[in-house]
Amino acid sequence: MQVKKVSQAAAQFARSGDGAPTSVDDLVGRKYIKEADKKDPWGNELTLEPYDSPDQPVRVCSFGADGKSGGDDDLCDPEKQ
């Protein structure tokens, strides 16, 4: 799914030495993902949030069909520990 693909792109971005991306637009602008990859299947833009891991500096989340954080339909990578 989009979330995993964008999560992998965010990790690659961070490994490039530019720090963590702050938005999916950072990933599009640097050509890590395509414009179409920044939205989930419901047309909502994926979000990035800080994540405390050297290998994965951000979590990528889709808030599902309702587009709201905190529902059962949220999907994030990596998942919360």
Protein backbone atom coordinates (compact mmCIF):
# COMPACT_ATOMS: atom_id res chain seq x y z
CA MET A 1 0.00 0.00 0.00
CA GLN A 2 0.95 3.67 -0.32
CA VAL A 3 1.85 3.95 3.37
CA LYS A 4 4.64 1.36 3.21
CA LYS A 5 6.01 2.76 -0.06
CA VAL A 6 6.09 6.32 1.28
CA SER A 7 7.58 5.12 4.58
CA GLN A 8 10.44 3.47 2.72
CA ALA A 9 10.96 6.64 0.68
CA ALA A 10 11.07 8.73 3.87
CA ALA A 11 13.75 6.44 5.34
CA GLN A 12 15.77 6.71 2.13
CA PHE A 13 15.40 10.51 2.19
CA ALA A 14 16.74 10.60 5.76
CA ARG A 15 19.69 8.35 4.87
CA SER A 16 20.64 10.77 2.08
CA GLY A 17 21.89 13.18 4.75
CA ASP A 18 19.14 15.78 4.42
CA GLY A 19 17.47 14.92 7.71
CA ALA A 20 13.90 13.76 8.05
CA PRO A 21 11.29 14.93 5.57
CA THR A 22 8.66 17.20 7.08
CA SER A 23 5.93 16.51 4.55
CA VAL A 24 5.12 14.26 1.64
CA ASP A 25 5.81 17.26 -0.59
CA ASP A 26 9.49 17.00 0.44
CA LEU A 27 9.49 13.47 -0.97
CA VAL A 28 7.74 14.50 -4.18
CA GLY A 29 10.04 17.50 -4.67
CA ARG A 30 13.15 15.35 -4.36
CA LYS A 31 11.61 12.66 -6.60
CA TYR A 32 11.50 9.92 -3.95
CA ILE A 33 7.80 9.41 -4.74
CA LYS A 34 5.39 10.52 -7.45
CA GLU A 35 2.67 13.11 -6.90
CA ALA A 36 0.03 10.35 -7.05
CA ASP A 37 1.75 8.46 -4.20
CA LYS A 38 1.09 11.17 -1.63
CA LYS A 39 -2.61 10.34 -1.32
CA ASP A 40 -4.24 7.28 0.15
CA PRO A 41 -6.91 5.28 -1.72
CA TRP A 42 -9.61 7.62 -0.32
CA GLY A 43 -7.93 10.72 -1.75
CA ASN A 44 -6.59 11.99 1.58
CA GLU A 45 -3.00 13.17 1.77
CA LEU A 46 -0.72 10.93 3.79
CA THR A 47 0.78 12.54 6.88
CA LEU A 48 4.24 12.37 8.36
CA GLU A 49 4.88 12.62 12.07
CA PRO A 50 8.17 12.47 13.99
CA TYR A 51 9.20 8.99 15.09
CA ASP A 52 12.06 8.29 17.45
CA SER A 53 14.09 5.75 15.53
CA PRO A 54 17.44 6.15 13.78
CA ASP A 55 16.28 3.90 10.95
CA GLN A 56 12.85 5.50 10.58
CA PRO A 57 12.72 9.17 11.60
CA VAL A 58 9.05 9.64 10.65
CA ARG A 59 5.82 7.65 10.73
CA VAL A 60 3.69 7.77 7.62
CA CYS A 61 -0.05 7.58 8.26
CA SER A 62 -3.28 7.21 6.35
CA PHE A 63 -6.31 8.09 8.43
CA GLY A 64 -8.56 5.86 6.35
CA ALA A 65 -11.87 6.58 4.69
CA ASP A 66 -12.99 9.10 7.31
CA GLY A 67 -9.74 11.09 7.04
CA LYS A 68 -9.61 11.53 10.82
CA SER A 69 -6.86 10.43 13.17
CA GLY A 70 -7.70 7.91 15.85
CA GLY A 71 -10.14 5.61 14.09
CA ASP A 72 -9.96 1.88 13.59
CA ASP A 73 -9.21 2.50 9.93
CA ASP A 74 -5.90 4.34 10.56
CA LEU A 75 -2.85 2.73 9.02
CA CYS A 76 0.67 3.86 9.92
CA ASP A 77 4.17 2.64 9.21
CA PRO A 78 5.90 1.96 11.45
CA GLU A 79 3.08 1.02 13.80
CA LYS A 80 3.17 2.53 17.29
CA GLN A 81 5.23 0.57 19.74
